[in-house]
C-alpha cells in the first residue's frame, strides 16, 4: 500500500514541477490547507473543528458550495 501511495505522490510532484498552471493551483490549495490548519489549531475543541473542516471540504467536492 505504501508503495502505491509513494508512486502517486511522486507522479503528482513531477506533474507539478513540469506544469506552471498546476504549480499555481497547488500553491492555492496549499494556502487553503494552511488556513484550515490554523483555524483548527486555534480552537479549543480541535476534533470538532477538524470535523467541520472535513465536512466543508466534502461539500465543496460534491459541489454543494
PDB file of N, CA and C in Angstrom:
ATOM      1  N   UNK A   1       0.825  -1.189   0.000  1.00  0.00           N
ATOM      2  CA  UNK A   1       0.000   0.000   0.000  1.00  0.00           C
ATOM      3  C   UNK A   1       0.871   1.255   0.000  1.00  0.00           C
ATOM      4  N   UNK A   2       1.909   1.255   0.843  1.00  0.00           N
ATOM      5  CA  UNK A   2       2.795   2.413   0.914  1.00  0.00           C
ATOM      6  C   UNK A   2       3.473   2.656  -0.430  1.00  0.00           C
ATOM      7  N   UNK A   3       3.830   1.570  -1.117  1.00  0.00           N
ATOM      8  CA  UNK A   3       4.485   1.681  -2.420  1.00  0.00           C
ATOM      9  C   UNK A   3       3.579   2.417  -3.407  1.00  0.00           C
ATOM     10  N   UNK A   4       2.300   2.079  -3.407  1.00  0.00           N
ATOM     11  CA  UNK A   4       1.350   2.725  -4.303  1.00  0.00           C
ATOM     12  C   UNK A   4       1.213   4.219  -3.975  1.00  0.00           C
ATOM     13  N   UNK A   5       1.084   4.543  -2.700  1.00  0.00           N
ATOM     14  CA  UNK A   5       0.973   5.948  -2.296  1.00  0.00           C
ATOM     15  C   UNK A   5       2.222   6.737  -2.647  1.00  0.00           C
ATOM     16  N   UNK A   6       3.373   6.105  -2.484  1.00  0.00           N
ATOM     17  CA  UNK A   6       4.625   6.781  -2.816  1.00  0.00           C
ATOM     18  C   UNK A   6       4.712   7.080  -4.315  1.00  0.00           C
ATOM     19  N   UNK A   7       4.265   6.132  -5.141  1.00  0.00           N
ATOM     20  CA  UNK A   7       4.278   6.359  -6.593  1.00  0.00           C
ATOM     21  C   UNK A   7       3.291   7.445  -6.995  1.00  0.00           C
ATOM     22  N   UNK A   8       2.143   7.491  -6.355  1.00  0.00           N
ATOM     23  CA  UNK A   8       1.173   8.543  -6.644  1.00  0.00           C
ATOM     24  C   UNK A   8       1.738   9.900  -6.259  1.00  0.00           C
ATOM     25  N   UNK A   9       2.379   9.976  -5.092  1.00  0.00           N
ATOM     26  CA  UNK A   9       2.985  11.235  -4.649  1.00  0.00           C
ATOM     27  C   UNK A   9       4.099  11.663  -5.608  1.00  0.00           C
ATOM     28  N   UNK A  10       4.894  10.730  -6.065  1.00  0.00           N
ATOM     29  CA  UNK A  10       5.977  11.050  -6.999  1.00  0.00           C
ATOM     30  C   UNK A  10       5.410  11.555  -8.324  1.00  0.00           C
ATOM     31  N   UNK A  11       4.364  10.915  -8.820  1.00  0.00           N
ATOM     32  CA  UNK A  11       3.730  11.353 -10.060  1.00  0.00           C
ATOM     33  C   UNK A  11       3.178  12.770  -9.907  1.00  0.00           C
ATOM     34  N   UNK A  12       2.521  13.030  -8.790  1.00  0.00           N
ATOM     35  CA  UNK A  12       1.956  14.359  -8.549  1.00  0.00           C
ATOM     36  C   UNK A  12       3.061  15.412  -8.478  1.00  0.00           C
ATOM     37  N   UNK A  13       4.161  15.086  -7.821  1.00  0.00           N
ATOM     38  CA  UNK A  13       5.276  16.035  -7.719  1.00  0.00           C
ATOM     39  C   UNK A  13       5.878  16.312  -9.090  1.00  0.00           C
ATOM     40  N   UNK A  14       6.020  15.299  -9.915  1.00  0.00           N
ATOM     41  CA  UNK A  14       6.556  15.504 -11.263  1.00  0.00           C
ATOM     42  C   UNK A  14       5.607  16.348 -12.101  1.00  0.00           C
ATOM     43  N   UNK A  15       4.332  16.108 -11.959  1.00  0.00           N
ATOM     44  CA  UNK A  15       3.328  16.879 -12.705  1.00  0.00           C
ATOM     45  C   UNK A  15       3.380  18.353 -12.290  1.00  0.00           C
ATOM     46  N   UNK A  16       3.476  18.588 -10.995  1.00  0.00           N
ATOM     47  CA  UNK A  16       3.561  19.968 -10.504  1.00  0.00           C
ATOM     48  C   UNK A  16       4.828  20.664 -10.979  1.00  0.00           C
ATOM     49  N   UNK A  17       5.923  19.931 -11.012  1.00  0.00           N
ATOM     50  CA  UNK A  17       7.195  20.525 -11.399  1.00  0.00           C
ATOM     51  C   UNK A  17       7.215  20.899 -12.884  1.00  0.00           C
ATOM     52  N   UNK A  18       6.448  20.186 -13.690  1.00  0.00           N
ATOM     53  CA  UNK A  18       6.529  20.416 -15.131  1.00  0.00           C
ATOM     54  C   UNK A  18       5.469  21.372 -15.667  1.00  0.00           C
ATOM     55  N   UNK A  19       4.417  21.619 -14.911  1.00  0.00           N
ATOM     56  CA  UNK A  19       3.303  22.429 -15.423  1.00  0.00           C
ATOM     57  C   UNK A  19       3.109  23.674 -14.562  1.00  0.00           C
ATOM     58  N   UNK A  20       3.325  24.867 -15.129  1.00  0.00           N
ATOM     59  CA  UNK A  20       3.181  26.097 -14.337  1.00  0.00           C
ATOM     60  C   UNK A  20       1.758  26.308 -13.802  1.00  0.00           C
ATOM     61  N   UNK A  21       0.742  25.927 -14.583  1.00  0.00           N
ATOM     62  CA  UNK A  21      -0.637  26.082 -14.102  1.00  0.00           C
ATOM     63  C   UNK A  21      -0.910  25.157 -12.922  1.00  0.00           C
ATOM     64  N   UNK A  22      -0.367  23.952 -12.977  1.00  0.00           N
ATOM     65  CA  UNK A  22      -0.543  23.007 -11.871  1.00  0.00           C
ATOM     66  C   UNK A  22       0.172  23.515 -10.624  1.00  0.00           C
ATOM     67  N   UNK A  23       1.362  24.122 -10.798  1.00  0.00           N
ATOM     68  CA  UNK A  23       2.083  24.690  -9.646  1.00  0.00           C
ATOM     69  C   UNK A  23       1.270  25.796  -8.998  1.00  0.00           C
ATOM     70  N   UNK A  24       0.662  26.636  -9.819  1.00  0.00           N
ATOM     71  CA  UNK A  24      -0.147  27.736  -9.305  1.00  0.00           C
ATOM     72  C   UNK A  24      -1.356  27.205  -8.535  1.00  0.00           C
ATOM     73  N   UNK A  25      -2.008  26.207  -9.093  1.00  0.00           N
ATOM     74  CA  UNK A  25      -3.175  25.607  -8.437  1.00  0.00           C
ATOM     75  C   UNK A  25      -2.764  24.942  -7.122  1.00  0.00           C
ATOM     76  N   UNK A  26      -1.633  24.255  -7.123  1.00  0.00           N
ATOM     77  CA  UNK A  26      -1.154  23.601  -5.911  1.00  0.00           C
ATOM     78  C   UNK A  26      -0.825  24.622  -4.826  1.00  0.00           C
ATOM     79  N   UNK A  27      -0.293  25.759  -5.222  1.00  0.00           N
ATOM     80  CA  UNK A  27       0.017  26.812  -4.249  1.00  0.00           C
ATOM     81  C   UNK A  27      -1.260  27.347  -3.619  1.00  0.00           C
ATOM     82  N   UNK A  28      -2.309  27.528  -4.426  1.00  0.00           N
ATOM     83  CA  UNK A  28      -3.589  27.995  -3.891  1.00  0.00           C
ATOM     84  C   UNK A  28      -4.185  26.975  -2.924  1.00  0.00           C
ATOM     85  N   UNK A  29      -4.122  25.717  -3.301  1.00  0.00           N
ATOM     86  CA  UNK A  29      -4.650  24.658  -2.435  1.00  0.00           C
ATOM     87  C   UNK A  29      -3.859  24.609  -1.131  1.00  0.00           C
ATOM     88  N   UNK A  30      -2.551  24.750  -1.215  1.00  0.00           N
ATOM     89  CA  UNK A  30      -1.716  24.728  -0.014  1.00  0.00           C
ATOM     90  C   UNK A  30      -2.078  25.874   0.926  1.00  0.00           C
ATOM     91  N   UNK A  31      -2.367  27.042   0.369  1.00  0.00           N
ATOM     92  CA  UNK A  31      -2.770  28.178   1.217  1.00  0.00           C
ATOM     93  C   UNK A  31      -4.077  27.889   1.943  1.00  0.00           C
ATOM     94  N   UNK A  32      -5.018  27.277   1.252  1.00  0.00           N
ATOM     95  CA  UNK A  32      -6.300  26.932   1.871  1.00  0.00           C
ATOM     96  C   UNK A  32      -6.093  25.908   2.986  1.00  0.00           C
ATOM     97  N   UNK A  33      -5.245  24.926   2.733  1.00  0.00           N
ATOM     98  CA  UNK A  33      -4.965  23.903   3.740  1.00  0.00           C
ATOM     99  C   UNK A  33      -4.315  24.523   4.967  1.00  0.00           C
ATOM    100  N   UNK A  34      -3.393  25.434   4.762  1.00  0.00           N
ATOM    101  CA  UNK A  34      -2.726  26.101   5.881  1.00  0.00           C
ATOM    102  C   UNK A  34      -3.721  26.943   6.678  1.00  0.00           C
ATOM    103  N   UNK A  35      -4.609  27.636   5.984  1.00  0.00           N
ATOM    104  CA  UNK A  35      -5.630  28.422   6.677  1.00  0.00           C
ATOM    105  C   UNK A  35      -6.536  27.532   7.518  1.00  0.00           C
ATOM    106  N   UNK A  36      -6.937  26.386   6.967  1.00  0.00           N
ATOM    107  CA  UNK A  36      -7.777  25.451   7.725  1.00  0.00           C
ATOM    108  C   UNK A  36      -7.012  24.912   8.939  1.00  0.00           C
ATOM    109  N   UNK A  37      -5.738  24.607   8.761  1.00  0.00           N
ATOM    110  CA  UNK A  37      -4.937  24.093   9.872  1.00  0.00           C
ATOM    111  C   UNK A  37      -4.801  25.135  10.978  1.00  0.00           C
ATOM    112  N   UNK A  38      -4.627  26.391  10.595  1.00  0.00           N
ATOM    113  CA  UNK A  38      -4.565  27.461  11.598  1.00  0.00           C
ATOM    114  C   UNK A  38      -5.889  27.586  12.336  1.00  0.00           C
ATOM    115  N   UNK A  39      -6.975  27.484  11.597  1.00  0.00           N
ATOM    116  CA  UNK A  39      -8.303  27.571  12.202  1.00  0.00           C
ATOM    117  C   UNK A  39      -8.498  26.439  13.217  1.00  0.00           C
ATOM    118  N   UNK A  40      -8.104  25.235  12.846  1.00  0.00           N
ATOM    119  CA  UNK A  40      -8.239  24.084  13.747  1.00  0.00           C
ATOM    120  C   UNK A  40      -7.354  24.263  14.971  1.00  0.00           C
ATOM    121  N   UNK A  41      -6.126  24.752  14.778  1.00  0.00           N
ATOM    122  CA  UNK A  41      -5.181  24.894  15.884  1.00  0.00           C
ATOM    123  C   UNK A  41      -5.640  25.924  16.902  1.00  0.00           C
ATOM    124  N   UNK A  42      -6.388  26.935  16.456  1.00  0.00           N
ATOM    125  CA  UNK A  42      -6.849  27.983  17.367  1.00  0.00           C
ATOM    126  C   UNK A  42      -8.032  27.547  18.220  1.00  0.00           C
ATOM    127  N   UNK A  43      -8.745  26.537  17.808  1.00  0.00           N
ATOM    128  CA  UNK A  43      -9.950  26.116  18.510  1.00  0.00           C
ATOM    129  C   UNK A  43      -9.622  25.297  19.743  1.00  0.00           C
ATOM    130  N   UNK A  44     -10.487  25.418  20.744  1.00  0.00           N
ATOM    131  CA  UNK A  44     -10.312  24.623  21.963  1.00  0.00           C
ATOM    132  C   UNK A  44     -10.653  23.159  21.693  1.00  0.00           C
ATOM    133  N   UNK A  45     -11.738  22.922  20.959  1.00  0.00           N
ATOM    134  CA  UNK A  45     -12.153  21.567  20.604  1.00  0.00           C
ATOM    135  C   UNK A  45     -11.634  21.270  19.197  1.00  0.00           C
ATOM    136  N   UNK A  46     -10.416  20.782  19.119  1.00  0.00           N
ATOM    137  CA  UNK A  46      -9.752  20.578  17.839  1.00  0.00           C
ATOM    138  C   UNK A  46     -10.415  19.482  17.002  1.00  0.00           C
ATOM    139  N   UNK A  47     -10.934  18.458  17.658  1.00  0.00           N
ATOM    140  CA  UNK A  47     -11.586  17.376  16.925  1.00  0.00           C
ATOM    141  C   UNK A  47     -12.833  17.886  16.214  1.00  0.00           C
ATOM    142  N   UNK A  48     -13.612  18.702  16.884  1.00  0.00           N
ATOM    143  CA  UNK A  48     -14.818  19.250  16.261  1.00  0.00           C
ATOM    144  C   UNK A  48     -14.458  20.178  15.113  1.00  0.00           C
ATOM    145  N   UNK A  49     -13.445  21.010  15.299  1.00  0.00           N
ATOM    146  CA  UNK A  49     -13.008  21.920  14.241  1.00  0.00           C
ATOM    147  C   UNK A  49     -12.501  21.137  13.028  1.00  0.00           C
ATOM    148  N   UNK A  50     -11.786  20.056  13.278  1.00  0.00           N
ATOM    149  CA  UNK A  50     -11.288  19.230  12.180  1.00  0.00           C
ATOM    150  C   UNK A  50     -12.449  18.567  11.447  1.00  0.00           C
ATOM    151  N   UNK A  51     -13.435  18.108  12.186  1.00  0.00           N
ATOM    152  CA  UNK A  51     -14.608  17.503  11.566  1.00  0.00           C
ATOM    153  C   UNK A  51     -15.371  18.488  10.699  1.00  0.00           C
ATOM    154  N   UNK A  52     -15.510  19.702  11.182  1.00  0.00           N
ATOM    155  CA  UNK A  52     -16.195  20.732  10.396  1.00  0.00           C
ATOM    156  C   UNK A  52     -15.403  21.084   9.136  1.00  0.00           C
ATOM    157  N   UNK A  53     -14.080  21.144   9.264  1.00  0.00           N
ATOM    158  CA  UNK A  53     -13.247  21.430   8.095  1.00  0.00           C
ATOM    159  C   UNK A  53     -13.383  20.315   7.062  1.00  0.00           C
ATOM    160  N   UNK A  54     -13.418  19.081   7.533  1.00  0.00           N
ATOM    161  CA  UNK A  54     -13.588  17.949   6.626  1.00  0.00           C
ATOM    162  C   UNK A  54     -14.954  18.011   5.952  1.00  0.00           C
ATOM    163  N   UNK A  55     -15.978  18.371   6.705  1.00  0.00           N
ATOM    164  CA  UNK A  55     -17.322  18.482   6.125  1.00  0.00           C
ATOM    165  C   UNK A  55     -17.360  19.577   5.058  1.00  0.00           C
ATOM    166  N   UNK A  56     -16.707  20.711   5.318  1.00  0.00           N
ATOM    167  CA  UNK A  56     -16.660  21.776   4.313  1.00  0.00           C
ATOM    168  C   UNK A  56     -15.969  21.295   3.041  1.00  0.00           C
ATOM    169  N   UNK A  57     -14.889  20.560   3.210  1.00  0.00           N
ATOM    170  CA  UNK A  57     -14.160  20.038   2.046  1.00  0.00           C
ATOM    171  C   UNK A  57     -15.009  19.029   1.272  1.00  0.00           C
ATOM    172  N   UNK A  58     -15.707  18.160   1.979  1.00  0.00           N
ATOM    173  CA  UNK A  58     -16.564  17.177   1.321  1.00  0.00           C
ATOM    174  C   UNK A  58     -17.694  17.860   0.553  1.00  0.00           C
ATOM    175  N   UNK A  59     -18.301  18.868   1.168  1.00  0.00           N
ATOM    176  CA  UNK A  59     -19.370  19.600   0.491  1.00  0.00           C
ATOM    177  C   UNK A  59     -18.844  20.298  -0.762  1.00  0.00           C
ATOM    178  N   UNK A  60     -17.650  20.839  -0.664  1.00  0.00           N
ATOM    179  CA  UNK A  60     -17.068  21.531  -1.816  1.00  0.00           C
ATOM    180  C   UNK A  60     -16.787  20.540  -2.950  1.00  0.00           C
ATOM    181  N   UNK A  61     -16.288  19.355  -2.596  1.00  0.00           N
ATOM    182  CA  UNK A  61     -16.016  18.341  -3.607  1.00  0.00           C
ATOM    183  C   UNK A  61     -17.296  17.839  -4.274  1.00  0.00           C
ATOM    184  N   UNK A  62     -18.368  17.781  -3.510  1.00  0.00           N
ATOM    185  CA  UNK A  62     -19.645  17.303  -4.038  1.00  0.00           C
ATOM    186  C   UNK A  62     -20.375  18.401  -4.796  1.00  0.00           C
ATOM    187  N   UNK A  63     -19.906  19.622  -4.695  1.00  0.00           N
ATOM    188  CA  UNK A  63     -20.499  20.723  -5.433  1.00  0.00           C
ATOM    189  C   UNK A  63     -21.640  21.407  -4.718  1.00  0.00           C
ATOM    190  N   UNK A  64     -21.798  21.154  -3.421  1.00  0.00           N
ATOM    191  CA  UNK A  64     -22.864  21.798  -2.671  1.00  0.00           C
ATOM    192  C   UNK A  64     -22.594  23.274  -2.456  1.00  0.00           C
ATOM    193  N   UNK A  65     -21.313  23.640  -2.348  1.00  0.00           N
ATOM    194  CA  UNK A  65     -20.935  25.021  -2.111  1.00  0.00           C
ATOM    195  C   UNK A  65     -19.662  25.339  -2.790  1.00  0.00           C
TER     196      UNK A  65
END
